[in-house]
Amino acid sequence: MEKIYIMGDILTVTSFTLSGIEGMVADPENAVSRFRDLLRREETAVIMITQDLSGSLNEIIHEVNNAATKPLIIEIPGIEAPEEVRRSVLQYVTESLNITA
């Protein structure tokens, strides 16, 4: 069964875990190894990653997005991001898939 994962700070991961999405707590020092761990899992369909971690993973994210259809990697603001940059998860998914309404 395919799964959606969240990777980010403890507050963001905990929030998503409460809604049933599996998470992996990471910081800039261990982000690359934890991200690669999620990529190795066959069931990984979507990885949502907080923007504070995605900066150090930009090269890997672009490689994955250009080389494969799966997993879909979506960058989202962390729970402590300013209110004006937060949107719904649905908005981030539709933007990542290039879906227009």
C-alpha atoms as a PDB file:
ATOM      1  CA  MET A   1       0.000   0.000   0.000  1.00  0.00           C
ATOM      2  CA  GLU A   2       1.351   3.420  -0.933  1.00  0.00           C
ATOM      3  CA  LYS A   3       1.916   5.945   1.821  1.00  0.00           C
ATOM      4  CA  ILE A   4       2.221   9.671   2.379  1.00  0.00           C
ATOM      5  CA  TYR A   5       4.998  10.858   4.681  1.00  0.00           C
ATOM      6  CA  ILE A   6       5.743  14.174   6.327  1.00  0.00           C
ATOM      7  CA  MET A   7       9.302  15.178   7.153  1.00  0.00           C
ATOM      8  CA  GLY A   8      10.060  18.235   9.246  1.00  0.00           C
ATOM      9  CA  ASP A   9      10.243  19.690  12.734  1.00  0.00           C
ATOM     10  CA  ILE A  10       8.613  17.950  15.700  1.00  0.00           C
ATOM     11  CA  LEU A  11       5.566  20.247  15.780  1.00  0.00           C
ATOM     12  CA  THR A  12       4.753  19.850  12.089  1.00  0.00           C
ATOM     13  CA  VAL A  13       5.304  16.087  12.128  1.00  0.00           C
ATOM     14  CA  THR A  14       3.167  15.684  15.247  1.00  0.00           C
ATOM     15  CA  SER A  15       0.339  17.701  13.692  1.00  0.00           C
ATOM     16  CA  PHE A  16       0.269  15.529  10.579  1.00  0.00           C
ATOM     17  CA  THR A  17       0.663  12.331  12.593  1.00  0.00           C
ATOM     18  CA  LEU A  18      -2.529  13.199  14.456  1.00  0.00           C
ATOM     19  CA  SER A  19      -4.331  13.092  11.105  1.00  0.00           C
ATOM     20  CA  GLY A  20      -2.922   9.655  10.259  1.00  0.00           C
ATOM     21  CA  ILE A  21       0.096  10.605   8.123  1.00  0.00           C
ATOM     22  CA  GLU A  22       3.355   8.949   9.089  1.00  0.00           C
ATOM     23  CA  GLY A  23       6.170  11.325   9.866  1.00  0.00           C
ATOM     24  CA  MET A  24       9.876  11.602  10.297  1.00  0.00           C
ATOM     25  CA  VAL A  25      11.362  14.299  12.502  1.00  0.00           C
ATOM     26  CA  ALA A  26      14.468  15.830  10.949  1.00  0.00           C
ATOM     27  CA  ASP A  27      16.741  18.831  11.254  1.00  0.00           C
ATOM     28  CA  PRO A  28      19.204  20.334   8.769  1.00  0.00           C
ATOM     29  CA  GLU A  29      22.023  18.097  10.040  1.00  0.00           C
ATOM     30  CA  ASN A  30      20.246  14.782   9.375  1.00  0.00           C
ATOM     31  CA  ALA A  31      17.805  15.824   6.635  1.00  0.00           C
ATOM     32  CA  VAL A  32      19.696  14.194   3.748  1.00  0.00           C
ATOM     33  CA  SER A  33      19.990  10.769   5.401  1.00  0.00           C
ATOM     34  CA  ARG A  34      16.365  10.781   6.577  1.00  0.00           C
ATOM     35  CA  PHE A  35      15.130  11.910   3.167  1.00  0.00           C
ATOM     36  CA  ARG A  36      17.096   9.137   1.446  1.00  0.00           C
ATOM     37  CA  ASP A  37      15.577   6.672   3.915  1.00  0.00           C
ATOM     38  CA  LEU A  38      12.088   7.699   2.801  1.00  0.00           C
ATOM     39  CA  LEU A  39      13.108   7.436  -0.866  1.00  0.00           C
ATOM     40  CA  ARG A  40      14.278   3.840  -0.323  1.00  0.00           C
ATOM     41  CA  ARG A  41      10.883   2.729   0.956  1.00  0.00           C
ATOM     42  CA  GLU A  42       8.899   1.125  -1.852  1.00  0.00           C
ATOM     43  CA  GLU A  43       5.568   2.240  -0.410  1.00  0.00           C
ATOM     44  CA  THR A  44       6.484   5.946  -0.488  1.00  0.00           C
ATOM     45  CA  ALA A  45       4.103   7.754  -2.849  1.00  0.00           C
ATOM     46  CA  VAL A  46       4.270  11.316  -1.481  1.00  0.00           C
ATOM     47  CA  ILE A  47       6.789  13.089   0.726  1.00  0.00           C
ATOM     48  CA  MET A  48       5.771  16.412   2.197  1.00  0.00           C
ATOM     49  CA  ILE A  49       8.829  18.244   3.468  1.00  0.00           C
ATOM     50  CA  THR A  50       8.982  21.513   5.349  1.00  0.00           C
ATOM     51  CA  GLN A  51      10.637  24.406   3.563  1.00  0.00           C
ATOM     52  CA  ASP A  52      13.240  24.861   6.292  1.00  0.00           C
ATOM     53  CA  LEU A  53      14.625  21.414   5.373  1.00  0.00           C
ATOM     54  CA  SER A  54      14.044  21.479   1.635  1.00  0.00           C
ATOM     55  CA  GLY A  55      16.733  24.096   1.014  1.00  0.00           C
ATOM     56  CA  SER A  56      19.509  21.634   1.809  1.00  0.00           C
ATOM     57  CA  LEU A  57      17.780  18.995  -0.338  1.00  0.00           C
ATOM     58  CA  ASN A  58      17.047  21.048  -3.466  1.00  0.00           C
ATOM     59  CA  GLU A  59      19.452  19.126  -5.687  1.00  0.00           C
ATOM     60  CA  ILE A  60      18.141  15.731  -4.574  1.00  0.00           C
ATOM     61  CA  ILE A  61      14.519  16.874  -4.855  1.00  0.00           C
ATOM     62  CA  HIS A  62      15.082  18.059  -8.445  1.00  0.00           C
ATOM     63  CA  GLU A  63      16.791  14.763  -9.355  1.00  0.00           C
ATOM     64  CA  VAL A  64      13.886  12.750  -7.960  1.00  0.00           C
ATOM     65  CA  ASN A  65      11.219  14.939  -9.559  1.00  0.00           C
ATOM     66  CA  ASN A  66      12.949  14.769 -12.961  1.00  0.00           C
ATOM     67  CA  ALA A  67      13.770  11.063 -12.890  1.00  0.00           C
ATOM     68  CA  ALA A  68      10.645   9.405 -11.572  1.00  0.00           C
ATOM     69  CA  THR A  69       6.907   9.745 -11.332  1.00  0.00           C
ATOM     70  CA  LYS A  70       7.016   8.580  -7.759  1.00  0.00           C
ATOM     71  CA  PRO A  71       7.363   9.767  -5.087  1.00  0.00           C
ATOM     72  CA  LEU A  72       5.825  13.185  -5.441  1.00  0.00           C
ATOM     73  CA  ILE A  73       7.732  15.647  -3.264  1.00  0.00           C
ATOM     74  CA  ILE A  74       5.798  18.615  -1.917  1.00  0.00           C
ATOM     75  CA  GLU A  75       7.432  21.469  -0.048  1.00  0.00           C
ATOM     76  CA  ILE A  76       5.230  22.967   2.668  1.00  0.00           C
ATOM     77  CA  PRO A  77       5.828  25.645   5.291  1.00  0.00           C
ATOM     78  CA  GLY A  78       6.493  24.402   8.797  1.00  0.00           C
ATOM     79  CA  ILE A  79       4.069  25.017  11.603  1.00  0.00           C
ATOM     80  CA  GLU A  80       6.060  28.048  12.710  1.00  0.00           C
ATOM     81  CA  ALA A  81       6.023  29.698   9.281  1.00  0.00           C
ATOM     82  CA  PRO A  82       4.371  33.121   9.025  1.00  0.00           C
ATOM     83  CA  GLU A  83       0.594  32.980   8.620  1.00  0.00           C
ATOM     84  CA  GLU A  84       0.678  34.626   5.182  1.00  0.00           C
ATOM     85  CA  VAL A  85       2.667  31.751   3.623  1.00  0.00           C
ATOM     86  CA  ARG A  86       0.490  28.949   4.978  1.00  0.00           C
ATOM     87  CA  ARG A  87      -2.081  27.416   2.688  1.00  0.00           C
ATOM     88  CA  SER A  88      -4.068  24.194   2.732  1.00  0.00           C
ATOM     89  CA  VAL A  89      -2.351  20.908   1.936  1.00  0.00           C
ATOM     90  CA  LEU A  90      -4.722  20.583  -1.026  1.00  0.00           C
ATOM     91  CA  GLN A  91      -3.356  23.828  -2.475  1.00  0.00           C
ATOM     92  CA  TYR A  92       0.213  22.534  -2.210  1.00  0.00           C
ATOM     93  CA  VAL A  93      -0.691  19.211  -3.839  1.00  0.00           C
ATOM     94  CA  THR A  94      -2.562  20.812  -6.748  1.00  0.00           C
ATOM     95  CA  GLU A  95       0.318  23.234  -7.288  1.00  0.00           C
ATOM     96  CA  SER A  96       2.844  20.369  -7.274  1.00  0.00           C
ATOM     97  CA  LEU A  97       0.774  18.439  -9.814  1.00  0.00           C
ATOM     98  CA  ASN A  98       0.290  21.570 -11.930  1.00  0.00           C
ATOM     99  CA  ILE A  99      -3.499  21.312 -11.719  1.00  0.00           C
ATOM    100  CA  THR A 100      -5.430  24.469 -12.506  1.00  0.00           C
ATOM    101  CA  ALA A 101      -8.971  25.085 -11.378  1.00  0.00           C
END
